[in-house]
Amino acid sequence: MKAEFDKFAKEYRTTHSTPLSLTGESSDFFAEYKAHKLAEWLPEFLEKKPATILDFGCGDGVMTNYVHQQFPQAKMYGCDPSPESIALAQKNFPAITFAVSGTHLPYSTPFEVIFAAGVFHHIPFEEHEAYLIELYRILAPGGILILFELNPFNPGTRYIFKHAPMDANATMLTPGYAQKLLQPYGKPCTKFYGFFPHFLRRLRWTERFLTKVPLGGLYASFLKKNA
C-alpha cells in the first residue's frame, strides 16, 4: 500500500469534508460517528472491554483518538504507510502510539480489537489477502477484526466517492466481497449504517433496527477469531 496520503495529510479533513457536504456533515463527524458505532456494536462480540486496540490505516489519527475516548482503559495504537500522516497524528495525539507500516505490520503482541476504517478500498484488490493474513496474525484469539467500508449500492455514497480527491485511485468493496474476503477465517457478519443525512438526524436512533438493510451509505464487517 503506497504512502499516497502524504499529500493529503495536513489538509485531509478539509479536503474530505468538501464532497461530504452533500450529507450536511463533516469528515470529523464521520470519524466520531464510526467510533460511536464501534463502541455500540463491540459488546455483541466481546464480553469485556478491550485492553489493546489497533487502528490499521489510521491516517491523521482523528478516528483513532475518538475510539480512544470511547475506550480510555485500552492501550491504543495506530499505523499507516504515510509518514506525513503518522507524524501529524503523533503530534496531535501523544497518548496514542503510532507507527509507519508497510505490508508487514510492525507488531508481535496481539490486539484484542483491530479496525480498518475506509482502508481496504485504497489497497489494490490483489493485495487484500496478504494484508488480511497480516491482520489475522496479530489478532488475539477471541479478538475482533472490523472493516469499515463504503456501500457502493447507495447512490449518495457513489456520488461522494466519485468527487473525493483522495479516492481517485480507489475502488469500493461491495458488502458481499468484504464477507467473502473474511469467510476463510471464520463467520463474518455485516452491519449497515449511515442512512440519514444531517437534516434527518433525528431519525438516526432508528439505525439500530436497520443494520440488516443493505441500503445504508456505510457498512462494517466483523470477524471474530477463534479462541
Protein backbone atom coordinates (compact mmCIF):
# COMPACT_ATOMS: atom_id res chain seq x y z
CA MET A 1 0.00 0.00 0.00
CA LYS A 2 1.63 3.23 -1.14
CA ALA A 3 2.03 6.34 1.03
CA GLU A 4 -0.22 8.29 -1.36
CA PHE A 5 -1.85 10.14 1.53
CA ASP A 6 1.30 12.15 2.32
CA LYS A 7 -0.01 14.92 0.05
CA PHE A 8 -3.36 14.97 1.88
CA ALA A 9 -2.03 14.68 5.44
CA LYS A 10 -2.24 18.31 6.60
CA GLU A 11 -5.46 19.20 4.79
CA TYR A 12 -7.14 15.78 4.81
CA ARG A 13 -10.17 16.74 6.93
CA THR A 14 -10.86 19.91 4.94
CA THR A 15 -10.42 18.16 1.58
CA HIS A 16 -12.56 15.20 2.65
CA SER A 17 -15.30 17.45 4.05
CA THR A 18 -15.98 19.10 0.68
CA PRO A 19 -17.66 16.10 -1.04
CA LEU A 20 -19.22 15.06 2.29
CA SER A 21 -21.11 18.38 2.38
CA LEU A 22 -23.84 16.52 0.46
CA THR A 23 -24.72 14.81 3.75
CA GLY A 24 -24.61 18.04 5.75
CA GLU A 25 -21.79 16.60 7.87
CA SER A 26 -18.01 16.91 8.00
CA SER A 27 -15.16 14.43 7.81
CA ASP A 28 -14.60 14.86 11.55
CA PHE A 29 -18.24 13.97 12.19
CA PHE A 30 -17.90 10.66 10.34
CA ALA A 31 -14.70 9.80 12.22
CA GLU A 32 -16.53 10.25 15.52
CA TYR A 33 -19.65 8.54 14.13
CA LYS A 34 -17.68 5.36 13.35
CA ALA A 35 -16.10 5.43 16.80
CA HIS A 36 -19.55 5.56 18.39
CA LYS A 37 -20.75 2.70 16.20
CA LEU A 38 -17.71 0.65 17.20
CA ALA A 39 -18.46 1.23 20.88
CA GLU A 40 -22.16 0.42 20.33
CA TRP A 41 -21.54 -2.87 18.49
CA LEU A 42 -18.42 -4.25 20.15
CA PRO A 43 -20.23 -5.66 23.25
CA GLU A 44 -22.04 -8.05 20.89
CA PHE A 45 -18.70 -9.71 20.16
CA LEU A 46 -16.60 -9.20 23.29
CA GLU A 47 -17.62 -9.98 26.87
CA LYS A 48 -15.33 -7.31 28.33
CA LYS A 49 -13.83 -4.04 27.21
CA PRO A 50 -10.69 -4.49 25.09
CA ALA A 51 -7.25 -3.85 26.57
CA THR A 52 -5.46 -3.34 23.24
CA ILE A 53 -6.79 -1.73 20.05
CA LEU A 54 -5.14 -1.12 16.68
CA ASP A 55 -6.34 1.32 14.03
CA PHE A 56 -4.94 -0.10 10.79
CA GLY A 57 -4.60 2.68 8.21
CA CYS A 58 -5.15 5.37 10.82
CA GLY A 59 -4.22 8.35 8.65
CA ASP A 60 -4.14 11.55 10.72
CA GLY A 61 -5.28 9.70 13.85
CA VAL A 62 -8.56 11.58 14.33
CA MET A 63 -10.74 8.45 14.42
CA THR A 64 -8.06 6.66 16.45
CA ASN A 65 -8.43 9.35 19.10
CA TYR A 66 -12.23 9.16 19.07
CA VAL A 67 -12.03 5.40 19.62
CA HIS A 68 -9.57 6.00 22.45
CA GLN A 69 -12.10 8.33 24.05
CA GLN A 70 -14.64 5.51 23.92
CA PHE A 71 -12.16 3.02 25.43
CA PRO A 72 -9.82 5.09 27.66
CA GLN A 73 -8.70 1.97 29.54
CA ALA A 74 -7.22 0.43 26.37
CA LYS A 75 -3.71 0.78 25.02
CA MET A 76 -4.34 2.45 21.67
CA TYR A 77 -2.19 2.06 18.57
CA GLY A 78 -2.37 3.32 15.00
CA CYS A 79 -0.37 2.51 11.87
CA ASP A 80 -0.32 3.88 8.34
CA PRO A 81 2.06 3.85 5.33
CA SER A 82 2.03 7.67 5.19
CA PRO A 83 4.93 9.13 7.24
CA GLU A 84 3.43 12.62 6.99
CA SER A 85 0.12 11.42 8.42
CA ILE A 86 1.80 9.49 11.23
CA ALA A 87 3.95 12.48 12.22
CA LEU A 88 0.82 14.64 12.41
CA ALA A 89 -1.11 12.01 14.37
CA GLN A 90 1.67 11.53 16.93
CA LYS A 91 1.99 15.28 17.41
CA ASN A 92 -1.75 15.81 17.92
CA PHE A 93 -2.46 12.68 19.99
CA PRO A 94 0.64 11.87 22.08
CA ALA A 95 -1.24 9.43 24.34
CA ILE A 96 -1.59 7.04 21.39
CA THR A 97 1.30 5.03 19.91
CA PHE A 98 1.59 5.48 16.14
CA ALA A 99 3.88 3.77 13.64
CA VAL A 100 4.63 3.84 9.92
CA SER A 101 3.73 0.48 8.41
CA GLY A 102 4.22 -1.50 5.21
CA THR A 103 2.94 -4.85 4.03
CA HIS A 104 4.47 -6.42 7.14
CA LEU A 105 2.95 -4.87 10.25
CA PRO A 106 5.46 -3.95 12.98
CA TYR A 107 3.75 -5.84 15.82
CA SER A 108 4.27 -9.16 17.56
CA THR A 109 1.96 -8.72 20.57
CA PRO A 110 -1.63 -9.49 19.52
CA PHE A 111 -4.50 -6.99 19.66
CA GLU A 112 -7.96 -7.69 21.03
CA VAL A 113 -9.55 -5.31 18.52
CA ILE A 114 -8.27 -4.27 15.10
CA PHE A 115 -10.27 -1.97 12.84
CA ALA A 116 -9.64 -0.60 9.37
CA ALA A 117 -11.84 2.39 8.51
CA GLY A 118 -12.08 3.16 4.80
CA VAL A 119 -8.73 1.48 4.17
CA PHE A 120 -9.25 -1.59 2.01
CA HIS A 121 -10.75 0.33 -0.90
CA HIS A 122 -7.36 2.07 -1.19
CA ILE A 123 -5.46 -1.24 -1.31
CA PRO A 124 -5.21 -3.00 -4.70
CA PHE A 125 -7.56 -5.99 -4.66
CA GLU A 126 -4.74 -8.40 -5.42
CA GLU A 127 -3.08 -7.32 -2.14
CA HIS A 128 -6.16 -7.71 0.08
CA GLU A 129 -5.41 -11.28 1.07
CA ALA A 130 -1.81 -10.50 2.06
CA TYR A 131 -2.91 -7.69 4.35
CA LEU A 132 -5.70 -9.77 5.82
CA ILE A 133 -3.23 -12.55 6.63
CA GLU A 134 -1.10 -9.99 8.50
CA LEU A 135 -4.09 -8.58 10.41
CA TYR A 136 -5.22 -12.06 11.37
CA ARG A 137 -1.68 -12.87 12.53
CA ILE A 138 -1.69 -10.02 15.06
CA LEU A 139 -5.32 -10.52 16.15
CA ALA A 140 -5.59 -12.13 19.58
CA PRO A 141 -7.57 -15.39 19.98
CA GLY A 142 -11.17 -14.34 20.55
CA GLY A 143 -10.33 -10.89 19.17
CA ILE A 144 -12.39 -8.87 16.70
CA LEU A 145 -11.43 -7.52 13.27
CA ILE A 146 -13.69 -4.83 11.79
CA LEU A 147 -13.64 -3.46 8.24
CA PHE A 148 -15.49 -0.15 7.92
CA GLU A 149 -16.27 0.46 4.26
CA LEU A 150 -18.41 2.46 1.82
CA ASN A 151 -21.53 0.88 0.38
CA PRO A 152 -21.43 1.14 -3.45
CA PHE A 153 -25.13 0.27 -3.61
CA ASN A 154 -26.02 3.64 -2.05
CA PRO A 155 -26.34 6.42 -4.70
CA GLY A 156 -25.22 9.15 -2.29
CA THR A 157 -22.11 7.20 -1.37
CA ARG A 158 -21.24 6.67 -5.04
CA TYR A 159 -21.57 10.42 -5.70
CA ILE A 160 -19.36 11.38 -2.75
CA PHE A 161 -16.79 8.73 -3.65
CA LYS A 162 -16.61 9.97 -7.24
CA HIS A 163 -15.92 13.54 -6.11
CA ALA A 164 -13.42 12.83 -3.32
CA PRO A 165 -9.83 13.61 -4.46
CA MET A 166 -8.31 11.06 -2.06
CA ASP A 167 -10.43 8.30 -3.63
CA ALA A 168 -9.25 8.93 -7.20
CA ASN A 169 -7.24 5.69 -7.25
CA ALA A 170 -9.59 3.67 -5.03
CA THR A 171 -12.24 1.04 -5.76
CA MET A 172 -15.15 0.42 -3.42
CA LEU A 173 -15.77 -3.03 -1.94
CA THR A 174 -19.26 -4.48 -2.13
CA PRO A 175 -20.56 -5.89 1.17
CA GLY A 176 -20.58 -9.33 -0.44
CA TYR A 177 -16.92 -9.02 -1.37
CA ALA A 178 -15.99 -7.99 2.18
CA GLN A 179 -17.86 -11.01 3.54
CA LYS A 180 -16.10 -13.30 1.07
CA LEU A 181 -12.73 -11.81 1.99
CA LEU A 182 -13.26 -12.64 5.68
CA GLN A 183 -15.00 -16.01 5.29
CA PRO A 184 -11.83 -18.17 5.16
CA TYR A 185 -11.10 -17.06 8.73
CA GLY A 186 -14.49 -17.58 10.37
CA LYS A 187 -18.10 -16.45 10.21
CA PRO A 188 -18.23 -12.72 9.41
CA CYS A 189 -21.29 -10.55 9.85
CA THR A 190 -22.08 -7.19 8.29
CA LYS A 191 -23.95 -4.21 9.74
CA PHE A 192 -25.23 -1.29 7.68
CA TYR A 193 -25.50 2.31 8.90
CA GLY A 194 -25.37 5.86 7.59
CA PHE A 195 -28.98 6.02 6.43
CA PHE A 196 -29.83 9.62 7.30
CA PRO A 197 -28.21 12.94 6.32
CA HIS A 198 -27.97 15.86 8.72
CA PHE A 199 -31.45 17.21 8.06
CA LEU A 200 -32.91 13.81 9.05
CA ARG A 201 -30.55 13.34 12.00
CA ARG A 202 -33.44 12.97 14.45
CA LEU A 203 -34.16 9.62 12.81
CA ARG A 204 -30.67 8.23 13.40
CA TRP A 205 -31.79 6.48 16.57
CA THR A 206 -33.68 4.05 14.32
CA GLU A 207 -30.45 2.81 12.71
CA ARG A 208 -30.14 0.16 15.42
CA PHE A 209 -33.12 -1.54 13.76
CA LEU A 210 -31.79 -1.15 10.20
CA THR A 211 -28.39 -2.86 10.41
CA LYS A 212 -29.50 -5.67 8.08
CA VAL A 213 -30.92 -3.33 5.42
CA PRO A 214 -28.23 -3.17 2.67
CA LEU A 215 -29.02 0.40 1.63
CA GLY A 216 -27.10 2.38 4.24
CA GLY A 217 -24.31 4.56 2.92
CA LEU A 218 -21.78 2.74 5.07
CA TYR A 219 -21.22 -0.75 6.43
CA ALA A 220 -18.96 -2.63 8.82
CA SER A 221 -17.95 -6.28 8.51
CA PHE A 222 -16.97 -8.10 11.71
CA LEU A 223 -14.86 -11.20 12.16
CA LYS A 224 -14.18 -12.91 15.50
CA LYS A 225 -11.04 -15.03 15.72
CA ASN A 226 -11.48 -18.45 17.29
CA ALA A 227 -10.32 -18.53 20.90
